PDB file of N, CA and C in Angstrom:
ATOM      1  N   UNK A   1      48.334 101.513-156.737  1.00  0.00           N
ATOM      2  CA  UNK A   1      49.681 100.981-156.861  1.00  0.00           C
ATOM      3  C   UNK A   1      50.439 101.089-155.544  1.00  0.00           C
ATOM      4  N   UNK A   2      49.972 101.883-154.604  1.00  0.00           N
ATOM      5  CA  UNK A   2      50.687 102.105-153.349  1.00  0.00           C
ATOM      6  C   UNK A   2      50.910 100.811-152.574  1.00  0.00           C
ATOM      7  N   UNK A   3      49.906  99.918-152.522  1.00  0.00           N
ATOM      8  CA  UNK A   3      50.052  98.653-151.805  1.00  0.00           C
ATOM      9  C   UNK A   3      51.132  97.803-152.467  1.00  0.00           C
ATOM     10  N   UNK A   4      51.149  97.735-153.786  1.00  0.00           N
ATOM     11  CA  UNK A   4      52.170  96.981-154.512  1.00  0.00           C
ATOM     12  C   UNK A   4      53.553  97.545-154.244  1.00  0.00           C
ATOM     13  N   UNK A   5      53.706  98.864-154.316  1.00  0.00           N
ATOM     14  CA  UNK A   5      55.010  99.497-154.138  1.00  0.00           C
ATOM     15  C   UNK A   5      55.619  99.176-152.781  1.00  0.00           C
ATOM     16  N   UNK A   6      54.796  99.046-151.749  1.00  0.00           N
ATOM     17  CA  UNK A   6      55.324  98.789-150.411  1.00  0.00           C
ATOM     18  C   UNK A   6      55.873  97.372-150.272  1.00  0.00           C
ATOM     19  N   UNK A   7      55.525  96.464-151.193  1.00  0.00           N
ATOM     20  CA  UNK A   7      55.988  95.077-151.109  1.00  0.00           C
ATOM     21  C   UNK A   7      57.135  94.766-152.054  1.00  0.00           C
ATOM     22  N   UNK A   8      57.555  95.708-152.845  1.00  0.00           N
ATOM     23  CA  UNK A   8      58.608  95.454-153.819  1.00  0.00           C
ATOM     24  C   UNK A   8      59.972  95.470-153.150  1.00  0.00           C
ATOM     25  N   UNK A   9      60.717  94.377-153.316  1.00  0.00           N
ATOM     26  CA  UNK A   9      62.060  94.267-152.759  1.00  0.00           C
ATOM     27  C   UNK A   9      62.809  93.189-153.526  1.00  0.00           C
ATOM     28  N   UNK A  10      64.120  93.102-153.292  1.00  0.00           N
ATOM     29  CA  UNK A  10      64.900  92.086-153.998  1.00  0.00           C
ATOM     30  C   UNK A  10      64.325  90.713-153.697  1.00  0.00           C
ATOM     31  N   UNK A  11      64.323  89.890-154.728  1.00  0.00           N
ATOM     32  CA  UNK A  11      63.780  88.548-154.597  1.00  0.00           C
ATOM     33  C   UNK A  11      62.323  88.414-154.979  1.00  0.00           C
ATOM     34  N   UNK A  12      61.646  89.527-155.267  1.00  0.00           N
ATOM     35  CA  UNK A  12      60.243  89.486-155.679  1.00  0.00           C
ATOM     36  C   UNK A  12      60.130  89.235-157.178  1.00  0.00           C
ATOM     37  N   UNK A  13      59.177  88.382-157.546  1.00  0.00           N
ATOM     38  CA  UNK A  13      58.806  88.207-158.942  1.00  0.00           C
ATOM     39  C   UNK A  13      57.679  89.169-159.237  1.00  0.00           C
ATOM     40  N   UNK A  14      57.761  89.833-160.376  1.00  0.00           N
ATOM     41  CA  UNK A  14      56.746  90.803-160.772  1.00  0.00           C
ATOM     42  C   UNK A  14      56.406  90.607-162.242  1.00  0.00           C
ATOM     43  N   UNK A  15      55.258  91.118-162.648  1.00  0.00           N
ATOM     44  CA  UNK A  15      54.892  91.155-164.066  1.00  0.00           C
ATOM     45  C   UNK A  15      55.152  92.568-164.563  1.00  0.00           C
ATOM     46  N   UNK A  16      55.886  92.676-165.663  1.00  0.00           N
ATOM     47  CA  UNK A  16      56.273  93.979-166.203  1.00  0.00           C
ATOM     48  C   UNK A  16      56.331  93.894-167.728  1.00  0.00           C
ATOM     49  N   UNK A  17      56.083  95.006-168.372  1.00  0.00           N
ATOM     50  CA  UNK A  17      56.239  95.060-169.833  1.00  0.00           C
ATOM     51  C   UNK A  17      57.741  95.114-170.113  1.00  0.00           C
ATOM     52  N   UNK A  18      58.272  94.016-170.633  1.00  0.00           N
ATOM     53  CA  UNK A  18      59.702  93.870-170.850  1.00  0.00           C
ATOM     54  C   UNK A  18      60.026  94.223-172.296  1.00  0.00           C
ATOM     55  N   UNK A  19      60.899  95.204-172.522  1.00  0.00           N
ATOM     56  CA  UNK A  19      61.218  95.604-173.900  1.00  0.00           C
ATOM     57  C   UNK A  19      62.125  94.584-174.585  1.00  0.00           C
ATOM     58  N   UNK A  20      61.924  94.412-175.878  1.00  0.00           N
ATOM     59  CA  UNK A  20      62.854  93.620-176.663  1.00  0.00           C
ATOM     60  C   UNK A  20      64.163  94.397-176.756  1.00  0.00           C
ATOM     61  N   UNK A  21      65.276  93.692-176.958  1.00  0.00           N
ATOM     62  CA  UNK A  21      66.584  94.354-176.937  1.00  0.00           C
ATOM     63  C   UNK A  21      66.733  95.408-178.027  1.00  0.00           C
ATOM     64  N   UNK A  22      65.964  95.295-179.120  1.00  0.00           N
ATOM     65  CA  UNK A  22      66.029  96.324-180.164  1.00  0.00           C
ATOM     66  C   UNK A  22      65.006  97.446-179.943  1.00  0.00           C
ATOM     67  N   UNK A  23      64.287  97.381-178.821  1.00  0.00           N
ATOM     68  CA  UNK A  23      63.283  98.373-178.412  1.00  0.00           C
ATOM     69  C   UNK A  23      62.124  98.511-179.402  1.00  0.00           C
ATOM     70  N   UNK A  24      61.931  97.519-180.280  1.00  0.00           N
ATOM     71  CA  UNK A  24      60.861  97.584-181.271  1.00  0.00           C
ATOM     72  C   UNK A  24      59.485  97.349-180.664  1.00  0.00           C
ATOM     73  N   UNK A  25      59.440  96.656-179.530  1.00  0.00           N
ATOM     74  CA  UNK A  25      58.175  96.332-178.896  1.00  0.00           C
ATOM     75  C   UNK A  25      58.452  95.873-177.467  1.00  0.00           C
ATOM     76  N   UNK A  26      57.402  95.456-176.776  1.00  0.00           N
ATOM     77  CA  UNK A  26      57.549  94.952-175.411  1.00  0.00           C
ATOM     78  C   UNK A  26      56.508  93.867-175.182  1.00  0.00           C
ATOM     79  N   UNK A  27      56.758  93.027-174.179  1.00  0.00           N
ATOM     80  CA  UNK A  27      55.853  91.935-173.870  1.00  0.00           C
ATOM     81  C   UNK A  27      55.705  91.847-172.355  1.00  0.00           C
ATOM     82  N   UNK A  28      54.473  91.624-171.884  1.00  0.00           N
ATOM     83  CA  UNK A  28      54.257  91.435-170.455  1.00  0.00           C
ATOM     84  C   UNK A  28      54.828  90.078-170.077  1.00  0.00           C
ATOM     85  N   UNK A  29      55.783  90.084-169.151  1.00  0.00           N
ATOM     86  CA  UNK A  29      56.431  88.838-168.751  1.00  0.00           C
ATOM     87  C   UNK A  29      56.927  88.964-167.321  1.00  0.00           C
ATOM     88  N   UNK A  30      57.238  87.827-166.708  1.00  0.00           N
ATOM     89  CA  UNK A  30      57.765  87.888-165.347  1.00  0.00           C
ATOM     90  C   UNK A  30      59.202  88.388-165.325  1.00  0.00           C
ATOM     91  N   UNK A  31      59.536  89.042-164.238  1.00  0.00           N
ATOM     92  CA  UNK A  31      60.901  89.511-164.000  1.00  0.00           C
ATOM     93  C   UNK A  31      61.186  89.337-162.515  1.00  0.00           C
ATOM     94  N   UNK A  32      62.448  89.241-162.181  1.00  0.00           N
ATOM     95  CA  UNK A  32      62.878  89.094-160.796  1.00  0.00           C
ATOM     96  C   UNK A  32      63.635  90.338-160.382  1.00  0.00           C
ATOM     97  N   UNK A  33      63.261  90.901-159.240  1.00  0.00           N
ATOM     98  CA  UNK A  33      63.961  92.085-158.746  1.00  0.00           C
ATOM     99  C   UNK A  33      65.310  91.664-158.177  1.00  0.00           C
ATOM    100  N   UNK A  34      66.369  92.196-158.769  1.00  0.00           N
ATOM    101  CA  UNK A  34      67.735  91.944-158.312  1.00  0.00           C
ATOM    102  C   UNK A  34      68.104  92.909-157.197  1.00  0.00           C
ATOM    103  N   UNK A  35      67.740  94.189-157.368  1.00  0.00           N
ATOM    104  CA  UNK A  35      68.129  95.204-156.386  1.00  0.00           C
ATOM    105  C   UNK A  35      67.227  96.423-156.502  1.00  0.00           C
ATOM    106  N   UNK A  36      67.119  97.141-155.397  1.00  0.00           N
ATOM    107  CA  UNK A  36      66.456  98.436-155.377  1.00  0.00           C
ATOM    108  C   UNK A  36      67.513  99.465-155.742  1.00  0.00           C
ATOM    109  N   UNK A  37      67.320 100.165-156.857  1.00  0.00           N
ATOM    110  CA  UNK A  37      68.303 101.142-157.337  1.00  0.00           C
ATOM    111  C   UNK A  37      68.040 102.546-156.794  1.00  0.00           C
ATOM    112  N   UNK A  38      67.005 102.704-155.994  1.00  0.00           N
ATOM    113  CA  UNK A  38      66.690 104.000-155.402  1.00  0.00           C
ATOM    114  C   UNK A  38      65.749 104.831-156.257  1.00  0.00           C
ATOM    115  N   UNK A  39      65.087 105.770-155.618  1.00  0.00           N
ATOM    116  CA  UNK A  39      64.159 106.703-156.283  1.00  0.00           C
ATOM    117  C   UNK A  39      63.094 105.984-157.102  1.00  0.00           C
ATOM    118  N   UNK A  40      62.645 104.822-156.614  1.00  0.00           N
ATOM    119  CA  UNK A  40      61.579 104.081-157.285  1.00  0.00           C
ATOM    120  C   UNK A  40      62.032 103.193-158.423  1.00  0.00           C
ATOM    121  N   UNK A  41      63.333 103.111-158.672  1.00  0.00           N
ATOM    122  CA  UNK A  41      63.862 102.260-159.739  1.00  0.00           C
ATOM    123  C   UNK A  41      64.339 100.923-159.175  1.00  0.00           C
ATOM    124  N   UNK A  42      64.184  99.876-159.984  1.00  0.00           N
ATOM    125  CA  UNK A  42      64.638  98.542-159.621  1.00  0.00           C
ATOM    126  C   UNK A  42      65.454  97.952-160.762  1.00  0.00           C
ATOM    127  N   UNK A  43      66.474  97.163-160.410  1.00  0.00           N
ATOM    128  CA  UNK A  43      67.228  96.383-161.388  1.00  0.00           C
ATOM    129  C   UNK A  43      66.564  95.012-161.427  1.00  0.00           C
ATOM    130  N   UNK A  44      66.185  94.579-162.623  1.00  0.00           N
ATOM    131  CA  UNK A  44      65.437  93.338-162.788  1.00  0.00           C
ATOM    132  C   UNK A  44      66.111  92.401-163.782  1.00  0.00           C
ATOM    133  N   UNK A  45      65.783  91.108-163.650  1.00  0.00           N
ATOM    134  CA  UNK A  45      66.190  90.055-164.578  1.00  0.00           C
ATOM    135  C   UNK A  45      65.012  89.666-165.439  1.00  0.00           C
ATOM    136  N   UNK A  46      65.262  89.338-166.663  1.00  0.00           N
ATOM    137  CA  UNK A  46      64.241  88.708-167.486  1.00  0.00           C
ATOM    138  C   UNK A  46      64.088  87.263-167.016  1.00  0.00           C
ATOM    139  N   UNK A  47      62.852  86.802-166.907  1.00  0.00           N
ATOM    140  CA  UNK A  47      62.549  85.413-166.582  1.00  0.00           C
ATOM    141  C   UNK A  47      61.851  84.815-167.797  1.00  0.00           C
ATOM    142  N   UNK A  48      62.339  83.661-168.273  1.00  0.00           N
ATOM    143  CA  UNK A  48      61.749  83.017-169.448  1.00  0.00           C
ATOM    144  C   UNK A  48      61.425  81.559-169.138  1.00  0.00           C
ATOM    145  N   UNK A  49      60.619  80.953-169.984  1.00  0.00           N
ATOM    146  CA  UNK A  49      60.295  79.532-169.819  1.00  0.00           C
ATOM    147  C   UNK A  49      61.284  78.637-170.562  1.00  0.00           C
ATOM    148  N   UNK A  50      62.240  79.248-171.265  1.00  0.00           N
ATOM    149  CA  UNK A  50      63.273  78.496-171.994  1.00  0.00           C
ATOM    150  C   UNK A  50      64.649  79.053-171.644  1.00  0.00           C
ATOM    151  N   UNK A  51      65.645  78.172-171.612  1.00  0.00           N
ATOM    152  CA  UNK A  51      67.012  78.604-171.296  1.00  0.00           C
ATOM    153  C   UNK A  51      67.692  79.263-172.497  1.00  0.00           C
ATOM    154  N   UNK A  52      67.189  79.028-173.712  1.00  0.00           N
ATOM    155  CA  UNK A  52      67.756  79.604-174.939  1.00  0.00           C
ATOM    156  C   UNK A  52      69.252  79.329-175.068  1.00  0.00           C
ATOM    157  N   UNK A  53      69.700  78.146-174.666  1.00  0.00           N
ATOM    158  CA  UNK A  53      71.114  77.757-174.732  1.00  0.00           C
ATOM    159  C   UNK A  53      72.012  78.767-174.034  1.00  0.00           C
ATOM    160  N   UNK A  54      71.483  79.448-173.040  1.00  0.00           N
ATOM    161  CA  UNK A  54      72.216  80.441-172.255  1.00  0.00           C
ATOM    162  C   UNK A  54      72.935  79.715-171.119  1.00  0.00           C
ATOM    163  N   UNK A  55      74.252  79.606-171.212  1.00  0.00           N
ATOM    164  CA  UNK A  55      75.038  78.891-170.203  1.00  0.00           C
ATOM    165  C   UNK A  55      74.923  79.528-168.823  1.00  0.00           C
ATOM    166  N   UNK A  56      74.533  80.790-168.760  1.00  0.00           N
ATOM    167  CA  UNK A  56      74.415  81.490-167.482  1.00  0.00           C
ATOM    168  C   UNK A  56      73.007  81.460-166.899  1.00  0.00           C
ATOM    169  N   UNK A  57      72.045  80.901-167.631  1.00  0.00           N
ATOM    170  CA  UNK A  57      70.663  80.854-167.148  1.00  0.00           C
ATOM    171  C   UNK A  57      70.578  80.006-165.882  1.00  0.00           C
ATOM    172  N   UNK A  58      69.757  80.457-164.945  1.00  0.00           N
ATOM    173  CA  UNK A  58      69.569  79.747-163.676  1.00  0.00           C
ATOM    174  C   UNK A  58      68.134  79.233-163.627  1.00  0.00           C
ATOM    175  N   UNK A  59      67.976  77.919-163.443  1.00  0.00           N
ATOM    176  CA  UNK A  59      66.650  77.311-163.406  1.00  0.00           C
ATOM    177  C   UNK A  59      65.901  77.727-162.136  1.00  0.00           C
ATOM    178  N   UNK A  60      64.602  77.979-162.302  1.00  0.00           N
ATOM    179  CA  UNK A  60      63.720  78.332-161.186  1.00  0.00           C
ATOM    180  C   UNK A  60      62.528  77.384-161.241  1.00  0.00           C
ATOM    181  N   UNK A  61      62.342  76.625-160.151  1.00  0.00           N
ATOM    182  CA  UNK A  61      61.246  75.666-160.065  1.00  0.00           C
ATOM    183  C   UNK A  61      60.362  76.002-158.869  1.00  0.00           C
ATOM    184  N   UNK A  62      59.235  75.316-158.759  1.00  0.00           N
ATOM    185  CA  UNK A  62      58.248  75.604-157.714  1.00  0.00           C
ATOM    186  C   UNK A  62      58.860  75.605-156.314  1.00  0.00           C
ATOM    187  N   UNK A  63      59.795  74.703-156.051  1.00  0.00           N
ATOM    188  CA  UNK A  63      60.373  74.610-154.700  1.00  0.00           C
ATOM    189  C   UNK A  63      61.282  75.788-154.347  1.00  0.00           C
ATOM    190  N   UNK A  64      61.590  76.633-155.307  1.00  0.00           N
ATOM    191  CA  UNK A  64      62.451  77.793-155.057  1.00  0.00           C
ATOM    192  C   UNK A  64      61.674  79.020-154.579  1.00  0.00           C
ATOM    193  N   UNK A  65      60.354  78.914-154.467  1.00  0.00           N
ATOM    194  CA  UNK A  65      59.520  80.042-154.056  1.00  0.00           C
ATOM    195  C   UNK A  65      59.219  80.025-152.566  1.00  0.00           C
ATOM    196  N   UNK A  66      59.290  81.194-151.934  1.00  0.00           N
ATOM    197  CA  UNK A  66      58.766  81.369-150.577  1.00  0.00           C
ATOM    198  C   UNK A  66      57.265  81.599-150.644  1.00  0.00           C
ATOM    199  N   UNK A  67      56.818  82.316-151.682  1.00  0.00           N
ATOM    200  CA  UNK A  67      55.391  82.578-151.885  1.00  0.00           C
ATOM    201  C   UNK A  67      55.138  82.756-153.372  1.00  0.00           C
ATOM    202  N   UNK A  68      53.896  82.513-153.783  1.00  0.00           N
ATOM    203  CA  UNK A  68      53.538  82.659-155.186  1.00  0.00           C
ATOM    204  C   UNK A  68      54.119  81.541-156.032  1.00  0.00           C
ATOM    205  N   UNK A  69      54.006  81.704-157.343  1.00  0.00           N
ATOM    206  CA  UNK A  69      54.521  80.690-158.261  1.00  0.00           C
ATOM    207  C   UNK A  69      54.519  81.218-159.683  1.00  0.00           C
ATOM    208  N   UNK A  70      55.226  80.514-160.543  1.00  0.00           N
ATOM    209  CA  UNK A  70      55.160  80.724-161.985  1.00  0.00           C
ATOM    210  C   UNK A  70      54.561  79.448-162.565  1.00  0.00           C
ATOM    211  N   UNK A  71      53.845  79.531-163.691  1.00  0.00           N
ATOM    212  CA  UNK A  71      53.154  78.349-164.207  1.00  0.00           C
ATOM    213  C   UNK A  71      54.072  77.253-164.754  1.00  0.00           C
ATOM    214  N   UNK A  72      55.298  77.603-165.114  1.00  0.00           N
ATOM    215  CA  UNK A  72      56.236  76.645-165.700  1.00  0.00           C
ATOM    216  C   UNK A  72      57.599  76.740-165.029  1.00  0.00           C
ATOM    217  N   UNK A  73      58.402  75.677-165.159  1.00  0.00           N
ATOM    218  CA  UNK A  73      59.809  75.797-164.798  1.00  0.00           C
ATOM    219  C   UNK A  73      60.364  76.940-165.632  1.00  0.00           C
ATOM    220  N   UNK A  74      61.120  77.827-164.986  1.00  0.00           N
ATOM    221  CA  UNK A  74      61.572  79.046-165.660  1.00  0.00           C
ATOM    222  C   UNK A  74      63.063  79.248-165.477  1.00  0.00           C
ATOM    223  N   UNK A  75      63.583  80.274-166.146  1.00  0.00           N
ATOM    224  CA  UNK A  75      65.015  80.552-166.115  1.00  0.00           C
ATOM    225  C   UNK A  75      65.264  82.042-165.917  1.00  0.00           C
ATOM    226  N   UNK A  76      66.116  82.361-164.950  1.00  0.00           N
ATOM    227  CA  UNK A  76      66.599  83.737-164.784  1.00  0.00           C
ATOM    228  C   UNK A  76      67.735  83.912-165.770  1.00  0.00           C
ATOM    229  N   UNK A  77      67.705  84.998-166.529  1.00  0.00           N
ATOM    230  CA  UNK A  77      68.700  85.239-167.576  1.00  0.00           C
ATOM    231  C   UNK A  77      69.574  86.418-167.164  1.00  0.00           C
ATOM    232  N   UNK A  78      70.742  86.166-166.548  1.00  0.00           N
ATOM    233  CA  UNK A  78      71.584  87.252-166.048  1.00  0.00           C
ATOM    234  C   UNK A  78      72.100  88.199-167.116  1.00  0.00           C
ATOM    235  N   UNK A  79      72.111  87.791-168.361  1.00  0.00           N
ATOM    236  CA  UNK A  79      72.519  88.683-169.442  1.00  0.00           C
ATOM    237  C   UNK A  79      71.398  89.591-169.912  1.00  0.00           C
ATOM    238  N   UNK A  80      70.215  89.424-169.345  1.00  0.00           N
ATOM    239  CA  UNK A  80      69.042  90.215-169.723  1.00  0.00           C
ATOM    240  C   UNK A  80      68.587  91.040-168.522  1.00  0.00           C
ATOM    241  N   UNK A  81      69.430  91.981-168.126  1.00  0.00           N
ATOM    242  CA  UNK A  81      69.131  92.883-167.013  1.00  0.00           C
ATOM    243  C   UNK A  81      68.569  94.190-167.544  1.00  0.00           C
ATOM    244  N   UNK A  82      67.736  94.827-166.745  1.00  0.00           N
ATOM    245  CA  UNK A  82      67.250  96.157-167.095  1.00  0.00           C
ATOM    246  C   UNK A  82      66.818  96.882-165.831  1.00  0.00           C
ATOM    247  N   UNK A  83      66.712  98.181-165.933  1.00  0.00           N
ATOM    248  CA  UNK A  83      66.235  99.014-164.837  1.00  0.00           C
ATOM    249  C   UNK A  83      64.865  99.545-165.213  1.00  0.00           C
ATOM    250  N   UNK A  84      63.934  99.498-164.263  1.00  0.00           N
ATOM    251  CA  UNK A  84      62.584  99.996-164.522  1.00  0.00           C
ATOM    252  C   UNK A  84      62.049 100.688-163.278  1.00  0.00           C
ATOM    253  N   UNK A  85      61.224 101.679-163.497  1.00  0.00           N
ATOM    254  CA  UNK A  85      60.572 102.390-162.402  1.00  0.00           C
ATOM    255  C   UNK A  85      59.407 101.543-161.889  1.00  0.00           C
ATOM    256  N   UNK A  86      59.145 101.655-160.591  1.00  0.00           N
ATOM    257  CA  UNK A  86      58.086 100.870-159.962  1.00  0.00           C
ATOM    258  C   UNK A  86      56.723 101.087-160.621  1.00  0.00           C
ATOM    259  N   UNK A  87      56.509 102.219-161.244  1.00  0.00           N
ATOM    260  CA  UNK A  87      55.221 102.496-161.891  1.00  0.00           C
ATOM    261  C   UNK A  87      54.976 101.596-163.103  1.00  0.00           C
ATOM    262  N   UNK A  88      56.023 100.974-163.642  1.00  0.00           N
ATOM    263  CA  UNK A  88      55.887 100.081-164.793  1.00  0.00           C
ATOM    264  C   UNK A  88      55.545  98.651-164.394  1.00  0.00           C
ATOM    265  N   UNK A  89      55.664  98.345-163.111  1.00  0.00           N
ATOM    266  CA  UNK A  89      55.387  96.992-162.623  1.00  0.00           C
ATOM    267  C   UNK A  89      53.880  96.815-162.516  1.00  0.00           C
ATOM    268  N   UNK A  90      53.363  95.785-163.188  1.00  0.00           N
ATOM    269  CA  UNK A  90      51.922  95.549-163.254  1.00  0.00           C
ATOM    270  C   UNK A  90      51.381  94.863-162.002  1.00  0.00           C
ATOM    271  N   UNK A  91      52.113  93.844-161.503  1.00  0.00           N
ATOM    272  CA  UNK A  91      51.658  93.135-160.306  1.00  0.00           C
ATOM    273  C   UNK A  91      52.785  92.292-159.733  1.00  0.00           C
ATOM    274  N   UNK A  92      52.614  91.918-158.475  1.00  0.00           N
ATOM    275  CA  UNK A  92      53.557  91.036-157.799  1.00  0.00           C
ATOM    276  C   UNK A  92      53.121  89.595-158.042  1.00  0.00           C
ATOM    277  N   UNK A  93      54.091  88.710-158.305  1.00  0.00           N
ATOM    278  CA  UNK A  93      53.798  87.304-158.579  1.00  0.00           C
ATOM    279  C   UNK A  93      54.275  86.374-157.470  1.00  0.00           C
ATOM    280  N   UNK A  94      55.081  86.874-156.544  1.00  0.00           N
ATOM    281  CA  UNK A  94      55.590  86.039-155.470  1.00  0.00           C
ATOM    282  C   UNK A  94      57.003  86.426-155.092  1.00  0.00           C
ATOM    283  N   UNK A  95      57.623  85.570-154.281  1.00  0.00           N
ATOM    284  CA  UNK A  95      58.979  85.849-153.813  1.00  0.00           C
ATOM    285  C   UNK A  95      59.796  84.566-153.821  1.00  0.00           C
ATOM    286  N   UNK A  96      61.058  84.704-154.232  1.00  0.00           N
ATOM    287  CA  UNK A  96      61.973  83.573-154.303  1.00  0.00           C
ATOM    288  C   UNK A  96      62.665  83.392-152.948  1.00  0.00           C
ATOM    289  N   UNK A  97      63.095  82.175-152.662  1.00  0.00           N
ATOM    290  CA  UNK A  97      63.829  81.914-151.419  1.00  0.00           C
ATOM    291  C   UNK A  97      65.190  82.608-151.473  1.00  0.00           C
ATOM    292  N   UNK A  98      65.676  83.102-150.328  1.00  0.00           N
ATOM    293  CA  UNK A  98      66.953  83.837-150.302  1.00  0.00           C
ATOM    294  C   UNK A  98      68.132  83.058-150.882  1.00  0.00           C
ATOM    295  N   UNK A  99      68.215  81.760-150.643  1.00  0.00           N
ATOM    296  CA  UNK A  99      69.349  80.982-151.153  1.00  0.00           C
ATOM    297  C   UNK A  99      69.338  80.956-152.687  1.00  0.00           C
ATOM    298  N   UNK A 100      68.166  80.895-153.288  1.00  0.00           N
ATOM    299  CA  UNK A 100      68.073  80.904-154.752  1.00  0.00           C
ATOM    300  C   UNK A 100      68.394  82.293-155.290  1.00  0.00           C
ATOM    301  N   UNK A 101      67.949  83.332-154.576  1.00  0.00           N
ATOM    302  CA  UNK A 101      68.272  84.701-154.992  1.00  0.00           C
ATOM    303  C   UNK A 101      69.787  84.887-155.011  1.00  0.00           C
ATOM    304  N   UNK A 102      70.473  84.375-154.003  1.00  0.00           N
ATOM    305  CA  UNK A 102      71.938  84.468-153.944  1.00  0.00           C
ATOM    306  C   UNK A 102      72.572  83.747-155.130  1.00  0.00           C
ATOM    307  N   UNK A 103      72.057  82.576-155.480  1.00  0.00           N
ATOM    308  CA  UNK A 103      72.583  81.837-156.640  1.00  0.00           C
ATOM    309  C   UNK A 103      72.430  82.666-157.922  1.00  0.00           C
ATOM    310  N   UNK A 104      71.307  83.335-158.058  1.00  0.00           N
ATOM    311  CA  UNK A 104      71.057  84.144-159.252  1.00  0.00           C
ATOM    312  C   UNK A 104      71.965  85.372-159.273  1.00  0.00           C
ATOM    313  N   UNK A 105      72.147  86.018-158.131  1.00  0.00           N
ATOM    314  CA  UNK A 105      73.064  87.164-158.045  1.00  0.00           C
ATOM    315  C   UNK A 105      74.481  86.715-158.401  1.00  0.00           C
ATOM    316  N   UNK A 106      74.883  85.547-157.916  1.00  0.00           N
ATOM    317  CA  UNK A 106      76.208  85.012-158.246  1.00  0.00           C
ATOM    318  C   UNK A 106      76.367  84.789-159.749  1.00  0.00           C
ATOM    319  N   UNK A 107      75.272  84.437-160.430  1.00  0.00           N
ATOM    320  CA  UNK A 107      75.352  84.234-161.882  1.00  0.00           C
ATOM    321  C   UNK A 107      75.644  85.546-162.607  1.00  0.00           C
ATOM    322  N   UNK A 108      75.148  86.655-162.085  1.00  0.00           N
ATOM    323  CA  UNK A 108      75.462  87.974-162.667  1.00  0.00           C
ATOM    324  C   UNK A 108      76.936  88.283-162.456  1.00  0.00           C
ATOM    325  N   UNK A 109      77.423  88.035-161.247  1.00  0.00           N
ATOM    326  CA  UNK A 109      78.836  88.268-160.941  1.00  0.00           C
ATOM    327  C   UNK A 109      79.719  87.454-161.886  1.00  0.00           C
ATOM    328  N   UNK A 110      79.367  86.175-162.060  1.00  0.00           N
ATOM    329  CA  UNK A 110      80.142  85.304-162.950  1.00  0.00           C
ATOM    330  C   UNK A 110      80.141  85.850-164.380  1.00  0.00           C
ATOM    331  N   UNK A 111      78.988  86.289-164.844  1.00  0.00           N
ATOM    332  CA  UNK A 111      78.880  86.834-166.195  1.00  0.00           C
ATOM    333  C   UNK A 111      79.745  88.081-166.359  1.00  0.00           C
ATOM    334  N   UNK A 112      79.714  88.966-165.381  1.00  0.00           N
ATOM    335  CA  UNK A 112      80.476  90.213-165.467  1.00  0.00           C
ATOM    336  C   UNK A 112      81.983  89.996-165.356  1.00  0.00           C
ATOM    337  N   UNK A 113      82.388  88.923-164.686  1.00  0.00           N
ATOM    338  CA  UNK A 113      83.820  88.654-164.500  1.00  0.00           C
ATOM    339  C   UNK A 113      84.405  87.753-165.586  1.00  0.00           C
ATOM    340  N   UNK A 114      83.568  87.237-166.463  1.00  0.00           N
ATOM    341  CA  UNK A 114      84.087  86.315-167.493  1.00  0.00           C
ATOM    342  C   UNK A 114      84.605  87.058-168.709  1.00  0.00           C
TER     343      UNK A 114
END
């Protein structure tokens, strides 16, 4: 895991076991690193293949990647944030372009200020 840990930073897409909001189970799914919270913890966004009528969801397409890819057009869900330790991250999937990362961060700000 040491090689993976050295590449984790904001804007990276990773595969992680994402808990359901009721904590009844979890599913391996992509997530986007929003920020390094220190001591091996990261703040992440849930990434889904559907917007789920979420007005705050931000579309992510192939052209938004600096490296790597997701198999489908996807959505960052700013209302689905969580903190996870780097040891829970299964693998790196790629990195988003900085301008798109800024758009996604702005969506969190908008959600928190509404």
